[in-house]
Structures are given as structure tokens and as C-alpha cells.
Amino acid sequence: MLVKLDETKLAASVAEAEANLKLSQANYDRAQQLFRDKLISQQEFEQIGSIFAVHRADVDLKQRQLKDARVYAPFAGIVGARQISPGQVITRNSTLTWVVNLDTVKVEVKVPERHLRQLKLGQAMEFTVAAFPGEKFRGEVYFISPQIDEGTRTALVKARIPNSDGKLRGGMFAGLDLTLQTRESAIVIPEPAVMSNGDNFSVFVVDEKGNAQVRPIEVGLRLPGRVEVLKGLNPGDKVVVEGTQKLRPGAPVKLAPPASAAPYLDSEGGKTPAAVKA
């Protein structure tokens, strides 16, 4: 129980209603016998029965009102700040407190309609919050709105996030990463390695003899600092990422030390070709 209201008047109302019901019950029982003996009319008997039914319903109503004077938590959780004080007069619209269950939190995000065909229930969602920088929280999508917001051309997507440690709180703003598509065998190279000429793209690769050679490529998705290569490269190829403006086909290339290439390597363990400085 969270809150108990003053029950004095409600308890008196219940006692009055029960007394009226008891009297109505006696009158109804007596009327049944009189009606069987044909001492009262059908109309008189129905009127007494109606009064009895009204008093019985009144008792049920008053008992429910008395029960509602005690406010119970609808589920197990944590009680928030109390918004009332003992003795304060409240109304039906008065906020008493909040009860919050933080075991599982829900995250909402508006997804552009062009990505909806790639969404499905159970899809992974990853996000961060300002209160815990560097820590990632993971959950899965459980709701995709069947309607599109005409103003923003987006659809509401909801995800459930396990929160047994209670770190996440209601109302937090989150930075979300929603995985729309996963390509396990994608080849990704650092963006500075790509040379473009209109719609044509190429890179410098280092051959077995340690010389730079131009290799035309076909690019796919572009991510911050990285480019997917659909055609033209194989896993393990050495790609020049710095100094390409000083290179020419066939020029010898000296590999930079691992420390210099480290910022360009795939930190997630994917099949990114080795990065090389010219």
C-alpha cells in the first residue's frame, strides 16, 4: 500500500448502505411470502424487489469506494518523489507519486522511411547515454509502427533494453546505433585511400615486389572514415592511404611501421586490407 486516504466518511456510508440493504432484504423476503399468498399485487412485489436491488448495488458501490481509499502499487518497482503531504486535500486528478519498474526500459527512435524495409522485429539496437560515456547498452526491436509520420517521413520504432542494474532512467536521451544490415565478408578500407575521377574510383595497392599499382574499384556503403569496396580488392591487399598524390604506377613503396598504420586498421576485427603509408 502506498497511500491511505481518510476512510471515516466512506466507512460510515458503507454502514448506512448495509443497514438499508438489511431492511430491504427483510421487506423483500416478506413480500415474497405475501405475493405467494396473493395478498399483494405483482406491481407492489416488483417495486419492493427493485428497491432491494438498488440497495444491494449501493452497498457494492460504497464498498468499492472504501477499497479505493487505499492506493496500492500496481506492480513491483521503485517509488518516486511524494507529491502530497499528510492531511492534504486531493482530487481525482492529483498526482500522488510515481512507481517505476527499471528492470527493463524501452527506447523509442524515429527511423526514416527509406530504411523501413531493412527493419524487422528482434533486430539488435545499441545505444549510449551521456551519464555513462563509453558504455554501450544493447536491446532488441519489439515494435515497428505501421504508420508513417507525414511531417517527418519517419516511423516510430521501440526497443527493450535489459536494465537489471538500474543504470538507465526514464527520460534519458540516447545516441542510437540501429544495425540495418550486416555483411560478414565486407571489405572496408580507409576513406583517404580512395581516389575519385567523376564516377570512377581507384586506389594504390602494393604488389609482391613492393611497387605501387593503380587498381580500379567499385565502392558500396560509405561510413565515417571508411568505404566499402565491392569489387577490385581482396582481403589482405596492402592499400596506400597517405601520400597518394606523390605516387605513380610502378613506384617503389616503403611500408610504414605498424604504429603509423594502426589508426587506419579495422578496430572491429573485420577484413579491412592492410593500410600503408607511401
C-alpha atoms as a PDB file:
ATOM      1  CA  MET A   1       0.000   0.000   0.000  1.00  0.00           C
ATOM      2  CA  LEU A   2       1.305   3.428  -0.980  1.00  0.00           C
ATOM      3  CA  VAL A   3      -1.321   5.890   0.251  1.00  0.00           C
ATOM      4  CA  LYS A   4      -4.268   5.644   2.653  1.00  0.00           C
ATOM      5  CA  LEU A   5      -6.988   8.276   2.414  1.00  0.00           C
ATOM      6  CA  ASP A   6      -9.322   9.291   5.232  1.00  0.00           C
ATOM      7  CA  GLU A   7     -11.844   6.433   5.457  1.00  0.00           C
ATOM      8  CA  THR A   8     -14.140   7.870   8.155  1.00  0.00           C
ATOM      9  CA  LYS A   9     -16.929   9.144   5.886  1.00  0.00           C
ATOM     10  CA  LEU A  10     -16.601   6.224   3.482  1.00  0.00           C
ATOM     11  CA  ALA A  11     -16.848   3.677   6.287  1.00  0.00           C
ATOM     12  CA  ALA A  12     -19.988   5.439   7.599  1.00  0.00           C
ATOM     13  CA  SER A  13     -21.504   5.358   4.098  1.00  0.00           C
ATOM     14  CA  VAL A  14     -20.866   1.618   3.897  1.00  0.00           C
ATOM     15  CA  ALA A  15     -22.522   1.057   7.275  1.00  0.00           C
ATOM     16  CA  GLU A  16     -25.554   3.104   6.189  1.00  0.00           C
ATOM     17  CA  ALA A  17     -25.825   1.247   2.886  1.00  0.00           C
ATOM     18  CA  GLU A  18     -25.572  -2.142   4.620  1.00  0.00           C
ATOM     19  CA  ALA A  19     -28.327  -1.146   7.065  1.00  0.00           C
ATOM     20  CA  ASN A  20     -30.600  -0.115   4.197  1.00  0.00           C
ATOM     21  CA  LEU A  21     -29.807  -3.390   2.421  1.00  0.00           C
ATOM     22  CA  LYS A  22     -30.670  -5.392   5.516  1.00  0.00           C
ATOM     23  CA  LEU A  23     -34.041  -3.663   5.774  1.00  0.00           C
ATOM     24  CA  SER A  24     -34.676  -4.128   2.050  1.00  0.00           C
ATOM     25  CA  GLN A  25     -33.789  -7.793   2.348  1.00  0.00           C
ATOM     26  CA  ALA A  26     -36.348  -8.255   5.128  1.00  0.00           C
ATOM     27  CA  ASN A  27     -39.038  -6.386   3.175  1.00  0.00           C
ATOM     28  CA  TYR A  28     -38.271  -8.426   0.050  1.00  0.00           C
ATOM     29  CA  ASP A  29     -38.457 -11.760   1.903  1.00  0.00           C
ATOM     30  CA  ARG A  30     -41.764 -10.705   3.471  1.00  0.00           C
ATOM     31  CA  ALA A  31     -43.090  -9.537   0.098  1.00  0.00           C
ATOM     32  CA  GLN A  32     -42.282 -12.910  -1.479  1.00  0.00           C
ATOM     33  CA  GLN A  33     -44.489 -14.685   1.042  1.00  0.00           C
ATOM     34  CA  LEU A  34     -47.274 -12.113   0.660  1.00  0.00           C
ATOM     35  CA  PHE A  35     -47.096 -12.417  -3.125  1.00  0.00           C
ATOM     36  CA  ARG A  36     -47.376 -16.213  -2.941  1.00  0.00           C
ATOM     37  CA  ASP A  37     -50.430 -15.790  -0.695  1.00  0.00           C
ATOM     38  CA  LYS A  38     -51.810 -13.272  -3.215  1.00  0.00           C
ATOM     39  CA  LEU A  39     -52.009 -10.566  -0.562  1.00  0.00           C
ATOM     40  CA  ILE A  40     -50.083  -8.001  -2.662  1.00  0.00           C
ATOM     41  CA  SER A  41     -50.144  -7.244  -6.365  1.00  0.00           C
ATOM     42  CA  GLN A  42     -47.464  -8.058  -8.939  1.00  0.00           C
ATOM     43  CA  GLN A  43     -46.625  -4.360  -9.226  1.00  0.00           C
ATOM     44  CA  GLU A  44     -46.094  -3.949  -5.454  1.00  0.00           C
ATOM     45  CA  PHE A  45     -43.863  -7.034  -5.366  1.00  0.00           C
ATOM     46  CA  GLU A  46     -41.709  -5.771  -8.267  1.00  0.00           C
ATOM     47  CA  GLN A  47     -41.353  -2.332  -6.645  1.00  0.00           C
ATOM     48  CA  ILE A  48     -40.072  -3.926  -3.412  1.00  0.00           C
ATOM     49  CA  GLY A  49     -37.705  -6.147  -5.407  1.00  0.00           C
ATOM     50  CA  SER A  50     -36.407  -3.125  -7.316  1.00  0.00           C
ATOM     51  CA  ILE A  51     -35.694  -1.240  -4.082  1.00  0.00           C
ATOM     52  CA  PHE A  52     -33.835  -4.280  -2.776  1.00  0.00           C
ATOM     53  CA  ALA A  53     -31.683  -4.455  -5.949  1.00  0.00           C
ATOM     54  CA  VAL A  54     -30.867  -0.736  -5.720  1.00  0.00           C
ATOM     55  CA  HIS A  55     -29.736  -1.054  -2.090  1.00  0.00           C
ATOM     56  CA  ARG A  56     -27.618  -4.104  -2.943  1.00  0.00           C
ATOM     57  CA  ALA A  57     -25.903  -2.195  -5.761  1.00  0.00           C
ATOM     58  CA  ASP A  58     -25.402   0.772  -3.434  1.00  0.00           C
ATOM     59  CA  VAL A  59     -23.561  -1.460  -0.962  1.00  0.00           C
ATOM     60  CA  ASP A  60     -21.268  -2.723  -3.720  1.00  0.00           C
ATOM     61  CA  LEU A  61     -20.535   0.854  -4.807  1.00  0.00           C
ATOM     62  CA  LYS A  62     -19.817   2.108  -1.283  1.00  0.00           C
ATOM     63  CA  GLN A  63     -17.578  -0.866  -0.555  1.00  0.00           C
ATOM     64  CA  ARG A  64     -15.610  -0.198  -3.740  1.00  0.00           C
ATOM     65  CA  GLN A  65     -15.215   3.462  -2.800  1.00  0.00           C
ATOM     66  CA  LEU A  66     -13.918   2.398   0.607  1.00  0.00           C
ATOM     67  CA  LYS A  67     -11.482   0.000  -1.040  1.00  0.00           C
ATOM     68  CA  ASP A  68     -10.261   2.764  -3.374  1.00  0.00           C
ATOM     69  CA  ALA A  69      -9.316   4.859  -0.345  1.00  0.00           C
ATOM     70  CA  ARG A  70      -6.221   2.662  -0.154  1.00  0.00           C
ATOM     71  CA  VAL A  71      -3.885   3.072  -3.109  1.00  0.00           C
ATOM     72  CA  TYR A  72      -1.737   0.028  -3.866  1.00  0.00           C
ATOM     73  CA  ALA A  73       1.219  -0.253  -6.239  1.00  0.00           C
ATOM     74  CA  PRO A  74       0.055  -1.959  -9.456  1.00  0.00           C
ATOM     75  CA  PHE A  75       3.444  -3.671  -9.846  1.00  0.00           C
ATOM     76  CA  ALA A  76       6.749  -4.097  -8.019  1.00  0.00           C
ATOM     77  CA  GLY A  77       9.089  -1.175  -8.528  1.00  0.00           C
ATOM     78  CA  ILE A  78      10.646   1.940  -7.063  1.00  0.00           C
ATOM     79  CA  VAL A  79       8.547   4.780  -5.631  1.00  0.00           C
ATOM     80  CA  GLY A  80       9.486   8.249  -6.819  1.00  0.00           C
ATOM     81  CA  ALA A  81       9.116  11.590  -5.073  1.00  0.00           C
ATOM     82  CA  ARG A  82       5.970  12.058  -2.967  1.00  0.00           C
ATOM     83  CA  GLN A  83       3.799  14.870  -4.345  1.00  0.00           C
ATOM     84  CA  ILE A  84       1.387  15.157  -1.404  1.00  0.00           C
ATOM     85  CA  SER A  85       1.606  15.679   2.354  1.00  0.00           C
ATOM     86  CA  PRO A  86      -0.395  14.083   5.210  1.00  0.00           C
ATOM     87  CA  GLY A  87      -3.682  15.915   5.696  1.00  0.00           C
ATOM     88  CA  GLN A  88      -3.677  17.468   2.226  1.00  0.00           C
ATOM     89  CA  VAL A  89      -6.975  17.548   0.313  1.00  0.00           C
ATOM     90  CA  ILE A  90      -6.605  15.855  -3.086  1.00  0.00           C
ATOM     91  CA  THR A  91      -8.807  15.341  -6.130  1.00  0.00           C
ATOM     92  CA  ARG A  92      -9.095  12.556  -8.686  1.00  0.00           C
ATOM     93  CA  ASN A  93      -6.508  14.259 -10.907  1.00  0.00           C
ATOM     94  CA  SER A  94      -3.945  14.800  -8.155  1.00  0.00           C
ATOM     95  CA  THR A  95      -0.570  13.123  -8.728  1.00  0.00           C
ATOM     96  CA  LEU A  96       0.378  11.212  -5.578  1.00  0.00           C
ATOM     97  CA  THR A  97       3.737   9.750  -6.638  1.00  0.00           C
ATOM     98  CA  TRP A  98       5.316   7.652  -9.399  1.00  0.00           C
ATOM     99  CA  VAL A  99       6.060   3.945  -9.364  1.00  0.00           C
ATOM    100  CA  VAL A 100       8.816   2.918 -11.775  1.00  0.00           C
ATOM    101  CA  ASN A 101       9.970  -0.552 -12.786  1.00  0.00           C
ATOM    102  CA  LEU A 102      13.513  -0.237 -14.180  1.00  0.00           C
ATOM    103  CA  ASP A 103      14.238  -3.936 -14.775  1.00  0.00           C
ATOM    104  CA  THR A 104      13.532  -3.383 -18.468  1.00  0.00           C
ATOM    105  CA  VAL A 105      13.445   0.026 -20.146  1.00  0.00           C
ATOM    106  CA  LYS A 106      12.010   0.988 -23.515  1.00  0.00           C
ATOM    107  CA  VAL A 107      13.780   3.120 -26.073  1.00  0.00           C
ATOM    108  CA  GLU A 108      11.986   4.991 -28.859  1.00  0.00           C
ATOM    109  CA  VAL A 109      13.544   6.241 -32.101  1.00  0.00           C
ATOM    110  CA  LYS A 110      12.157   7.689 -35.330  1.00  0.00           C
ATOM    111  CA  VAL A 111      13.560   5.815 -38.341  1.00  0.00           C
ATOM    112  CA  PRO A 112      13.450   7.348 -41.874  1.00  0.00           C
ATOM    113  CA  GLU A 113      11.028   5.539 -44.157  1.00  0.00           C
ATOM    114  CA  ARG A 114      13.758   4.599 -46.645  1.00  0.00           C
ATOM    115  CA  HIS A 115      15.210   2.216 -44.053  1.00  0.00           C
ATOM    116  CA  LEU A 116      11.955   0.523 -43.046  1.00  0.00           C
ATOM    117  CA  ARG A 117      12.352  -2.373 -45.483  1.00  0.00           C
ATOM    118  CA  GLN A 118      15.529  -3.329 -43.618  1.00  0.00           C
ATOM    119  CA  LEU A 119      13.850  -3.345 -40.200  1.00  0.00           C
ATOM    120  CA  LYS A 120      12.406  -6.415 -38.530  1.00  0.00           C
ATOM    121  CA  LEU A 121      11.250  -7.445 -35.084  1.00  0.00           C
ATOM    122  CA  GLY A 122      14.022  -8.817 -32.895  1.00  0.00           C
ATOM    123  CA  GLN A 123      16.667  -6.680 -34.606  1.00  0.00           C
ATOM    124  CA  ALA A 124      19.599  -5.547 -32.462  1.00  0.00           C
ATOM    125  CA  MET A 125      19.815  -1.964 -31.221  1.00  0.00           C
ATOM    126  CA  GLU A 126      22.824  -0.414 -29.486  1.00  0.00           C
ATOM    127  CA  PHE A 127      22.990   2.988 -27.812  1.00  0.00           C
ATOM    128  CA  THR A 128      24.876   5.183 -25.381  1.00  0.00           C
ATOM    129  CA  VAL A 129      23.786   7.791 -22.829  1.00  0.00           C
ATOM    130  CA  ALA A 130      25.622  10.869 -21.579  1.00  0.00           C
ATOM    131  CA  ALA A 131      25.572   9.653 -17.974  1.00  0.00           C
ATOM    132  CA  PHE A 132      27.798   6.672 -18.852  1.00  0.00           C
ATOM    133  CA  PRO A 133      30.164   7.782 -21.622  1.00  0.00           C
ATOM    134  CA  GLY A 134      31.891   4.958 -23.428  1.00  0.00           C
ATOM    135  CA  GLU A 135      29.450   2.309 -22.175  1.00  0.00           C
ATOM    136  CA  LYS A 136      27.119   0.670 -24.688  1.00  0.00           C
ATOM    137  CA  PHE A 137      23.695  -0.738 -23.906  1.00  0.00           C
ATOM    138  CA  ARG A 138      22.062  -3.341 -26.122  1.00  0.00           C
ATOM    139  CA  GLY A 139      18.500  -4.423 -26.736  1.00  0.00           C
ATOM    140  CA  GLU A 140      16.181  -5.588 -29.486  1.00  0.00           C
ATOM    141  CA  VAL A 141      13.338  -4.085 -31.505  1.00  0.00           C
ATOM    142  CA  TYR A 142       9.862  -5.200 -30.420  1.00  0.00           C
ATOM    143  CA  PHE A 143       7.642  -2.638 -32.177  1.00  0.00           C
ATOM    144  CA  ILE A 144       7.650  -1.046 -35.628  1.00  0.00           C
ATOM    145  CA  SER A 145       4.873   1.453 -36.281  1.00  0.00           C
ATOM    146  CA  PRO A 146       2.587   0.573 -39.204  1.00  0.00           C
ATOM    147  CA  GLN A 147       2.143   4.292 -39.904  1.00  0.00           C
ATOM    148  CA  ILE A 148       4.481   6.974 -41.245  1.00  0.00           C
ATOM    149  CA  ASP A 149       4.620  10.473 -39.745  1.00  0.00           C
ATOM    150  CA  GLU A 150       3.615  12.662 -42.693  1.00  0.00           C
ATOM    151  CA  GLY A 151       5.587  15.622 -41.371  1.00  0.00           C
ATOM    152  CA  THR A 152       8.927  13.919 -40.768  1.00  0.00           C
ATOM    153  CA  ARG A 153       8.536  10.872 -43.052  1.00  0.00           C
ATOM    154  CA  THR A 154       9.677   8.641 -40.217  1.00  0.00           C
ATOM    155  CA  ALA A 155       8.239   5.656 -38.364  1.00  0.00           C
ATOM    156  CA  LEU A 156       8.321   5.063 -34.634  1.00  0.00           C
ATOM    157  CA  VAL A 157      10.464   2.103 -33.570  1.00  0.00           C
ATOM    158  CA  LYS A 158      10.675   0.790 -29.997  1.00  0.00           C
ATOM    159  CA  ALA A 159      13.227  -1.498 -28.372  1.00  0.00           C
ATOM    160  CA  ARG A 160      13.503  -3.244 -24.996  1.00  0.00           C
ATOM    161  CA  ILE A 161      16.747  -2.907 -23.061  1.00  0.00           C
ATOM    162  CA  PRO A 162      17.606  -5.131 -20.042  1.00  0.00           C
ATOM    163  CA  ASN A 163      18.391  -2.856 -17.079  1.00  0.00           C
ATOM    164  CA  SER A 164      18.795  -5.100 -14.053  1.00  0.00           C
ATOM    165  CA  ASP A 165      21.474  -2.819 -12.565  1.00  0.00           C
ATOM    166  CA  GLY A 166      19.159   0.229 -12.789  1.00  0.00           C
ATOM    167  CA  LYS A 167      21.669   2.450 -14.599  1.00  0.00           C
ATOM    168  CA  LEU A 168      19.153   3.685 -17.167  1.00  0.00           C
ATOM    169  CA  ARG A 169      16.412   6.094 -16.057  1.00  0.00           C
ATOM    170  CA  GLY A 170      13.229   7.210 -17.722  1.00  0.00           C
ATOM    171  CA  GLY A 171      13.584  10.380 -19.807  1.00  0.00           C
ATOM    172  CA  MET A 172      17.260   9.961 -20.706  1.00  0.00           C
ATOM    173  CA  PHE A 173      18.372  10.991 -24.200  1.00  0.00           C
ATOM    174  CA  ALA A 174      20.310   8.353 -26.078  1.00  0.00           C
ATOM    175  CA  GLY A 175      22.588   8.116 -29.093  1.00  0.00           C
ATOM    176  CA  LEU A 176      21.358   5.109 -31.050  1.00  0.00           C
ATOM    177  CA  ASP A 177      23.039   2.673 -33.422  1.00  0.00           C
ATOM    178  CA  LEU A 178      20.468   0.543 -35.217  1.00  0.00           C
ATOM    179  CA  THR A 179      22.037  -2.237 -37.284  1.00  0.00           C
ATOM    180  CA  LEU A 180      20.027  -2.376 -40.505  1.00  0.00           C
ATOM    181  CA  GLN A 181      22.252  -4.774 -42.381  1.00  0.00           C
ATOM    182  CA  THR A 182      25.273  -6.913 -41.549  1.00  0.00           C
ATOM    183  CA  ARG A 183      27.812  -8.016 -44.154  1.00  0.00           C
ATOM    184  CA  GLU A 184      30.147 -10.527 -42.590  1.00  0.00           C
ATOM    185  CA  SER A 185      32.587 -10.652 -45.547  1.00  0.00           C
ATOM    186  CA  ALA A 186      32.644  -6.962 -46.492  1.00  0.00           C
ATOM    187  CA  ILE A 187      35.967  -5.384 -47.449  1.00  0.00           C
ATOM    188  CA  VAL A 188      36.366  -1.906 -45.940  1.00  0.00           C
ATOM    189  CA  ILE A 189      39.261   0.495 -46.497  1.00  0.00           C
ATOM    190  CA  PRO A 190      40.131   3.900 -45.027  1.00  0.00           C
ATOM    191  CA  GLU A 191      38.409   6.723 -46.884  1.00  0.00           C
ATOM    192  CA  PRO A 192      41.646   8.697 -47.614  1.00  0.00           C
ATOM    193  CA  ALA A 193      42.868   5.778 -49.746  1.00  0.00           C
ATOM    194  CA  VAL A 194      40.124   6.253 -52.341  1.00  0.00           C
ATOM    195  CA  MET A 195      40.898   8.382 -55.407  1.00  0.00           C
ATOM    196  CA  SER A 196      37.957   9.562 -57.479  1.00  0.00           C
ATOM    197  CA  ASN A 197      37.592  10.784 -61.035  1.00  0.00           C
ATOM    198  CA  GLY A 198      33.939  11.546 -61.577  1.00  0.00           C
ATOM    199  CA  ASP A 199      32.084   8.282 -61.027  1.00  0.00           C
ATOM    200  CA  ASN A 200      35.269   6.224 -61.273  1.00  0.00           C
ATOM    201  CA  PHE A 201      37.213   5.209 -58.157  1.00  0.00           C
ATOM    202  CA  SER A 202      40.638   3.693 -57.709  1.00  0.00           C
ATOM    203  CA  VAL A 203      43.311   3.011 -55.090  1.00  0.00           C
ATOM    204  CA  PHE A 204      47.050   2.379 -54.978  1.00  0.00           C
ATOM    205  CA  VAL A 205      47.902  -1.138 -53.893  1.00  0.00           C
ATOM    206  CA  VAL A 206      51.364  -2.543 -53.178  1.00  0.00           C
ATOM    207  CA  ASP A 207      52.287  -5.601 -55.254  1.00  0.00           C
ATOM    208  CA  GLU A 208      54.555  -8.520 -54.311  1.00  0.00           C
ATOM    209  CA  LYS A 209      57.640  -6.549 -55.395  1.00  0.00           C
ATOM    210  CA  GLY A 210      56.796  -3.604 -53.157  1.00  0.00           C
ATOM    211  CA  ASN A 211      55.708  -1.307 -56.006  1.00  0.00           C
ATOM    212  CA  ALA A 212      52.555   0.814 -56.141  1.00  0.00           C
ATOM    213  CA  GLN A 213      49.952  -0.139 -58.716  1.00  0.00           C
ATOM    214  CA  VAL A 214      46.645   1.580 -59.553  1.00  0.00           C
ATOM    215  CA  ARG A 215      43.628  -0.644 -59.007  1.00  0.00           C
ATOM    216  CA  PRO A 216      40.115   0.431 -60.120  1.00  0.00           C
ATOM    217  CA  ILE A 217      37.470  -0.386 -57.540  1.00  0.00           C
ATOM    218  CA  GLU A 218      33.717  -0.294 -57.128  1.00  0.00           C
ATOM    219  CA  VAL A 219      32.567   1.295 -53.870  1.00  0.00           C
ATOM    220  CA  GLY A 220      29.489   0.487 -51.801  1.00  0.00           C
ATOM    221  CA  LEU A 221      28.421   1.944 -48.489  1.00  0.00           C
ATOM    222  CA  ARG A 222      30.274   4.903 -47.030  1.00  0.00           C
ATOM    223  CA  LEU A 223      30.750   5.189 -43.283  1.00  0.00           C
ATOM    224  CA  PRO A 224      32.598   7.884 -41.314  1.00  0.00           C
ATOM    225  CA  GLY A 225      36.245   7.430 -42.310  1.00  0.00           C
ATOM    226  CA  ARG A 226      35.644   4.139 -44.122  1.00  0.00           C
ATOM    227  CA  VAL A 227      34.475   2.945 -47.536  1.00  0.00           C
ATOM    228  CA  GLU A 228      33.131  -0.449 -48.541  1.00  0.00           C
ATOM    229  CA  VAL A 229      34.754  -1.983 -51.609  1.00  0.00           C
ATOM    230  CA  LEU A 230      32.501  -4.226 -53.681  1.00  0.00           C
ATOM    231  CA  LYS A 231      34.968  -5.089 -56.435  1.00  0.00           C
ATOM    232  CA  GLY A 232      38.663  -4.633 -57.125  1.00  0.00           C
ATOM    233  CA  LEU A 233      40.288  -5.668 -53.833  1.00  0.00           C
ATOM    234  CA  ASN A 234      40.904  -8.885 -51.962  1.00  0.00           C
ATOM    235  CA  PRO A 235      41.271  -9.381 -48.214  1.00  0.00           C
ATOM    236  CA  GLY A 236      44.877  -8.767 -47.199  1.00  0.00           C
ATOM    237  CA  ASP A 237      45.760  -6.354 -50.019  1.00  0.00           C
ATOM    238  CA  LYS A 238      48.057  -3.545 -48.945  1.00  0.00           C
ATOM    239  CA  VAL A 239      46.397  -0.182 -49.697  1.00  0.00           C
ATOM    240  CA  VAL A 240      48.181   3.170 -49.669  1.00  0.00           C
ATOM    241  CA  VAL A 241      46.292   5.705 -47.565  1.00  0.00           C
ATOM    242  CA  GLU A 242      48.733   8.630 -47.349  1.00  0.00           C
ATOM    243  CA  GLY A 243      50.936  10.254 -49.964  1.00  0.00           C
ATOM    244  CA  THR A 244      48.951   9.029 -52.959  1.00  0.00           C
ATOM    245  CA  GLN A 245      49.424  12.394 -54.672  1.00  0.00           C
ATOM    246  CA  LYS A 246      53.195  11.733 -54.775  1.00  0.00           C
ATOM    247  CA  LEU A 247      52.889   8.239 -56.237  1.00  0.00           C
ATOM    248  CA  ARG A 248      52.981   6.953 -59.788  1.00  0.00           C
ATOM    249  CA  PRO A 249      52.298   3.431 -61.047  1.00  0.00           C
ATOM    250  CA  GLY A 250      55.320   1.208 -60.515  1.00  0.00           C
ATOM    251  CA  ALA A 251      56.955   3.461 -57.900  1.00  0.00           C
ATOM    252  CA  PRO A 252      58.588   1.600 -55.009  1.00  0.00           C
ATOM    253  CA  VAL A 253      56.819   1.872 -51.683  1.00  0.00           C
ATOM    254  CA  LYS A 254      58.323   1.542 -48.233  1.00  0.00           C
ATOM    255  CA  LEU A 255      55.896   0.249 -45.662  1.00  0.00           C
ATOM    256  CA  ALA A 256      55.271   2.457 -42.669  1.00  0.00           C
ATOM    257  CA  PRO A 257      55.756   0.986 -39.192  1.00  0.00           C
ATOM    258  CA  PRO A 258      52.702  -0.683 -37.581  1.00  0.00           C
ATOM    259  CA  ALA A 259      52.175   2.286 -35.265  1.00  0.00           C
ATOM    260  CA  SER A 260      51.612   4.597 -38.252  1.00  0.00           C
ATOM    261  CA  ALA A 261      49.103   2.261 -39.883  1.00  0.00           C
ATOM    262  CA  ALA A 262      47.235   1.417 -36.680  1.00  0.00           C
ATOM    263  CA  PRO A 263      44.716   4.326 -36.884  1.00  0.00           C
ATOM    264  CA  TYR A 264      43.539   3.029 -40.264  1.00  0.00           C
ATOM    265  CA  LEU A 265      43.078  -0.617 -39.360  1.00  0.00           C
ATOM    266  CA  ASP A 266      39.658  -2.080 -38.712  1.00  0.00           C
ATOM    267  CA  SER A 267      39.161  -1.816 -34.946  1.00  0.00           C
ATOM    268  CA  GLU A 268      36.266  -4.262 -35.078  1.00  0.00           C
ATOM    269  CA  GLY A 269      38.318  -7.129 -36.476  1.00  0.00           C
ATOM    270  CA  GLY A 270      36.783  -7.089 -39.953  1.00  0.00           C
ATOM    271  CA  LYS A 271      38.535  -7.885 -43.197  1.00  0.00           C
ATOM    272  CA  THR A 272      39.939  -4.440 -43.817  1.00  0.00           C
ATOM    273  CA  PRO A 273      43.006  -4.563 -46.122  1.00  0.00           C
ATOM    274  CA  ALA A 274      46.260  -3.524 -44.534  1.00  0.00           C
ATOM    275  CA  ALA A 275      46.802   0.241 -44.570  1.00  0.00           C
ATOM    276  CA  VAL A 276      50.098   1.524 -45.904  1.00  0.00           C
ATOM    277  CA  LYS A 277      51.716   4.947 -45.933  1.00  0.00           C
ATOM    278  CA  ALA A 278      53.641   5.931 -49.033  1.00  0.00           C
END
